[in-house]
Amino acid sequence: MYGAFGQTFGGRYLAVFFIYKPATQTALVISARDMSDKERKTYGRK
């Protein structure tokens, strides 16, 4: 399982968790949610 963090064009900060399937080169999204305050601070440092 992988996690991706980012900001939408609308300004929301999201955390998305997914499974990558190399055979079909697709991603199966498991969960998506708003980032917590702690995650948002960490994301801003990168």
PDB file of N, CA and C in Angstrom:
ATOM      1  N   MET A   1       0.846  -1.171   0.000  1.00  0.00           N
ATOM      2  CA  MET A   1       0.000   0.000   0.000  1.00  0.00           C
ATOM      3  C   MET A   1       0.889   1.232   0.000  1.00  0.00           C
ATOM      4  N   TYR A   2       0.459   2.236  -0.732  1.00  0.00           N
ATOM      5  CA  TYR A   2       1.192   3.488  -0.852  1.00  0.00           C
ATOM      6  C   TYR A   2       0.324   4.629  -0.363  1.00  0.00           C
ATOM      7  N   GLY A   3       0.983   5.725  -0.001  1.00  0.00           N
ATOM      8  CA  GLY A   3       0.278   6.932   0.397  1.00  0.00           C
ATOM      9  C   GLY A   3       0.788   8.103  -0.419  1.00  0.00           C
ATOM     10  N   ALA A   4      -0.126   8.943  -0.855  1.00  0.00           N
ATOM     11  CA  ALA A   4       0.239  10.150  -1.597  1.00  0.00           C
ATOM     12  C   ALA A   4      -0.410  11.343  -0.900  1.00  0.00           C
ATOM     13  N   PHE A   5       0.356  12.424  -0.775  1.00  0.00           N
ATOM     14  CA  PHE A   5      -0.123  13.617  -0.113  1.00  0.00           C
ATOM     15  C   PHE A   5       0.013  14.778  -1.077  1.00  0.00           C
ATOM     16  N   GLY A   6      -0.998  15.643  -1.102  1.00  0.00           N
ATOM     17  CA  GLY A   6      -0.916  16.777  -2.010  1.00  0.00           C
ATOM     18  C   GLY A   6      -2.036  17.766  -1.787  1.00  0.00           C
ATOM     19  N   GLN A   7      -1.962  18.837  -2.567  1.00  0.00           N
ATOM     20  CA  GLN A   7      -2.937  19.907  -2.483  1.00  0.00           C
ATOM     21  C   GLN A   7      -3.707  19.965  -3.783  1.00  0.00           C
ATOM     22  N   THR A   8      -5.025  20.104  -3.692  1.00  0.00           N
ATOM     23  CA  THR A   8      -5.875  20.210  -4.876  1.00  0.00           C
ATOM     24  C   THR A   8      -5.812  21.629  -5.421  1.00  0.00           C
ATOM     25  N   PHE A   9      -6.322  21.820  -6.640  1.00  0.00           N
ATOM     26  CA  PHE A   9      -6.389  23.163  -7.211  1.00  0.00           C
ATOM     27  C   PHE A   9      -7.309  24.063  -6.392  1.00  0.00           C
ATOM     28  N   GLY A  10      -8.265  23.464  -5.677  1.00  0.00           N
ATOM     29  CA  GLY A  10      -9.174  24.222  -4.829  1.00  0.00           C
ATOM     30  C   GLY A  10      -8.581  24.599  -3.482  1.00  0.00           C
ATOM     31  N   GLY A  11      -7.388  24.081  -3.154  1.00  0.00           N
ATOM     32  CA  GLY A  11      -6.699  24.440  -1.920  1.00  0.00           C
ATOM     33  C   GLY A  11      -6.804  23.425  -0.800  1.00  0.00           C
ATOM     34  N   ARG A  12      -7.534  22.321  -1.005  1.00  0.00           N
ATOM     35  CA  ARG A  12      -7.633  21.286   0.037  1.00  0.00           C
ATOM     36  C   ARG A  12      -6.369  20.445   0.055  1.00  0.00           C
ATOM     37  N   TYR A  13      -5.987  20.015   1.246  1.00  0.00           N
ATOM     38  CA  TYR A  13      -4.849  19.118   1.408  1.00  0.00           C
ATOM     39  C   TYR A  13      -5.397  17.708   1.623  1.00  0.00           C
ATOM     40  N   LEU A  14      -5.001  16.768   0.754  1.00  0.00           N
ATOM     41  CA  LEU A  14      -5.542  15.418   0.819  1.00  0.00           C
ATOM     42  C   LEU A  14      -4.460  14.375   1.036  1.00  0.00           C
ATOM     43  N   ALA A  15      -4.851  13.300   1.705  1.00  0.00           N
ATOM     44  CA  ALA A  15      -4.021  12.102   1.850  1.00  0.00           C
ATOM     45  C   ALA A  15      -4.785  10.973   1.152  1.00  0.00           C
ATOM     46  N   VAL A  16      -4.139  10.324   0.190  1.00  0.00           N
ATOM     47  CA  VAL A  16      -4.770   9.249  -0.575  1.00  0.00           C
ATOM     48  C   VAL A  16      -3.934   7.989  -0.401  1.00  0.00           C
ATOM     49  N   PHE A  17      -4.598   6.879  -0.088  1.00  0.00           N
ATOM     50  CA  PHE A  17      -3.922   5.599   0.096  1.00  0.00           C
ATOM     51  C   PHE A  17      -4.403   4.644  -0.986  1.00  0.00           C
ATOM     52  N   PHE A  18      -3.440   3.961  -1.638  1.00  0.00           N
ATOM     53  CA  PHE A  18      -3.795   3.137  -2.778  1.00  0.00           C
ATOM     54  C   PHE A  18      -2.867   1.943  -2.907  1.00  0.00           C
ATOM     55  N   ILE A  19      -3.301   0.973  -3.689  1.00  0.00           N
ATOM     56  CA  ILE A  19      -2.496  -0.195  -4.045  1.00  0.00           C
ATOM     57  C   ILE A  19      -2.184  -0.082  -5.524  1.00  0.00           C
ATOM     58  N   TYR A  20      -0.899  -0.171  -5.866  1.00  0.00           N
ATOM     59  CA  TYR A  20      -0.484  -0.116  -7.272  1.00  0.00           C
ATOM     60  C   TYR A  20      -0.430  -1.524  -7.830  1.00  0.00           C
ATOM     61  N   LYS A  21      -1.048  -1.728  -8.994  1.00  0.00           N
ATOM     62  CA  LYS A  21      -1.062  -3.035  -9.653  1.00  0.00           C
ATOM     63  C   LYS A  21      -0.203  -2.946 -10.908  1.00  0.00           C
ATOM     64  N   PRO A  22       1.046  -3.431 -10.832  1.00  0.00           N
ATOM     65  CA  PRO A  22       1.957  -3.280 -11.974  1.00  0.00           C
ATOM     66  C   PRO A  22       1.520  -4.048 -13.221  1.00  0.00           C
ATOM     67  N   ALA A  23       0.813  -5.143 -13.063  1.00  0.00           N
ATOM     68  CA  ALA A  23       0.401  -5.932 -14.226  1.00  0.00           C
ATOM     69  C   ALA A  23      -0.484  -5.111 -15.168  1.00  0.00           C
ATOM     70  N   THR A  24      -1.370  -4.316 -14.596  1.00  0.00           N
ATOM     71  CA  THR A  24      -2.277  -3.501 -15.411  1.00  0.00           C
ATOM     72  C   THR A  24      -1.922  -2.018 -15.370  1.00  0.00           C
ATOM     73  N   GLN A  25      -0.874  -1.676 -14.630  1.00  0.00           N
ATOM     74  CA  GLN A  25      -0.410  -0.295 -14.448  1.00  0.00           C
ATOM     75  C   GLN A  25      -1.550   0.615 -13.992  1.00  0.00           C
ATOM     76  N   THR A  26      -2.296   0.142 -13.005  1.00  0.00           N
ATOM     77  CA  THR A  26      -3.391   0.923 -12.443  1.00  0.00           C
ATOM     78  C   THR A  26      -3.229   1.021 -10.936  1.00  0.00           C
ATOM     79  N   ALA A  27      -3.945   1.954 -10.358  1.00  0.00           N
ATOM     80  CA  ALA A  27      -3.946   2.138  -8.908  1.00  0.00           C
ATOM     81  C   ALA A  27      -5.364   1.923  -8.397  1.00  0.00           C
ATOM     82  N   LEU A  28      -5.483   1.165  -7.330  1.00  0.00           N
ATOM     83  CA  LEU A  28      -6.765   0.925  -6.678  1.00  0.00           C
ATOM     84  C   LEU A  28      -6.802   1.781  -5.416  1.00  0.00           C
ATOM     85  N   VAL A  29      -7.633   2.809  -5.424  1.00  0.00           N
ATOM     86  CA  VAL A  29      -7.712   3.730  -4.290  1.00  0.00           C
ATOM     87  C   VAL A  29      -8.449   3.047  -3.143  1.00  0.00           C
ATOM     88  N   ILE A  30      -7.807   3.029  -1.983  1.00  0.00           N
ATOM     89  CA  ILE A  30      -8.378   2.422  -0.790  1.00  0.00           C
ATOM     90  C   ILE A  30      -9.099   3.479   0.045  1.00  0.00           C
ATOM     91  N   SER A  31      -8.466   4.637   0.220  1.00  0.00           N
ATOM     92  CA  SER A  31      -9.033   5.669   1.066  1.00  0.00           C
ATOM     93  C   SER A  31      -8.481   7.027   0.657  1.00  0.00           C
ATOM     94  N   ALA A  32      -9.293   8.062   0.831  1.00  0.00           N
ATOM     95  CA  ALA A  32      -8.861   9.447   0.624  1.00  0.00           C
ATOM     96  C   ALA A  32      -9.511  10.280   1.716  1.00  0.00           C
ATOM     97  N   ARG A  33      -8.709  11.183   2.288  1.00  0.00           N
ATOM     98  CA  ARG A  33      -9.225  12.006   3.386  1.00  0.00           C
ATOM     99  C   ARG A  33      -8.437  13.305   3.451  1.00  0.00           C
ATOM    100  N   ASP A  34      -8.968  14.257   4.214  1.00  0.00           N
ATOM    101  CA  ASP A  34      -8.233  15.493   4.468  1.00  0.00           C
ATOM    102  C   ASP A  34      -7.030  15.189   5.347  1.00  0.00           C
ATOM    103  N   MET A  35      -5.925  15.893   5.108  1.00  0.00           N
ATOM    104  CA  MET A  35      -4.738  15.717   5.943  1.00  0.00           C
ATOM    105  C   MET A  35      -5.001  16.260   7.341  1.00  0.00           C
ATOM    106  N   SER A  36      -4.387  15.626   8.326  1.00  0.00           N
ATOM    107  CA  SER A  36      -4.437  16.156   9.693  1.00  0.00           C
ATOM    108  C   SER A  36      -3.514  17.377   9.758  1.00  0.00           C
ATOM    109  N   ASP A  37      -3.631  18.141  10.827  1.00  0.00           N
ATOM    110  CA  ASP A  37      -2.773  19.318  11.002  1.00  0.00           C
ATOM    111  C   ASP A  37      -1.302  18.919  11.007  1.00  0.00           C
ATOM    112  N   LYS A  38      -0.975  17.808  11.658  1.00  0.00           N
ATOM    113  CA  LYS A  38       0.412  17.338  11.724  1.00  0.00           C
ATOM    114  C   LYS A  38       0.922  16.955  10.329  1.00  0.00           C
ATOM    115  N   GLU A  39       0.106  16.252   9.564  1.00  0.00           N
ATOM    116  CA  GLU A  39       0.502  15.872   8.204  1.00  0.00           C
ATOM    117  C   GLU A  39       0.683  17.111   7.330  1.00  0.00           C
ATOM    118  N   ARG A  40      -0.181  18.087   7.492  1.00  0.00           N
ATOM    119  CA  ARG A  40      -0.094  19.301   6.694  1.00  0.00           C
ATOM    120  C   ARG A  40       1.195  20.050   6.985  1.00  0.00           C
ATOM    121  N   LYS A  41       1.594  20.111   8.258  1.00  0.00           N
ATOM    122  CA  LYS A  41       2.858  20.770   8.618  1.00  0.00           C
ATOM    123  C   LYS A  41       4.034  20.032   8.007  1.00  0.00           C
ATOM    124  N   THR A  42       4.017  18.699   8.070  1.00  0.00           N
ATOM    125  CA  THR A  42       5.096  17.900   7.488  1.00  0.00           C
ATOM    126  C   THR A  42       5.145  18.076   5.985  1.00  0.00           C
ATOM    127  N   TYR A  43       3.993  18.096   5.332  1.00  0.00           N
ATOM    128  CA  TYR A  43       3.905  18.259   3.882  1.00  0.00           C
ATOM    129  C   TYR A  43       4.491  19.604   3.453  1.00  0.00           C
ATOM    130  N   GLY A  44       4.264  20.624   4.226  1.00  0.00           N
ATOM    131  CA  GLY A  44       4.756  21.959   3.895  1.00  0.00           C
ATOM    132  C   GLY A  44       6.259  22.089   3.960  1.00  0.00           C
ATOM    133  N   ARG A  45       6.943  21.207   4.664  1.00  0.00           N
ATOM    134  CA  ARG A  45       8.397  21.264   4.817  1.00  0.00           C
ATOM    135  C   ARG A  45       9.143  20.668   3.637  1.00  0.00           C
ATOM    136  N   LYS A  46       8.464  19.908   2.813  1.00  0.00           N
ATOM    137  CA  LYS A  46       9.161  19.221   1.715  1.00  0.00           C
ATOM    138  C   LYS A  46       9.268  20.070   0.491  1.00  0.00           C
TER     139      LYS A  46
END
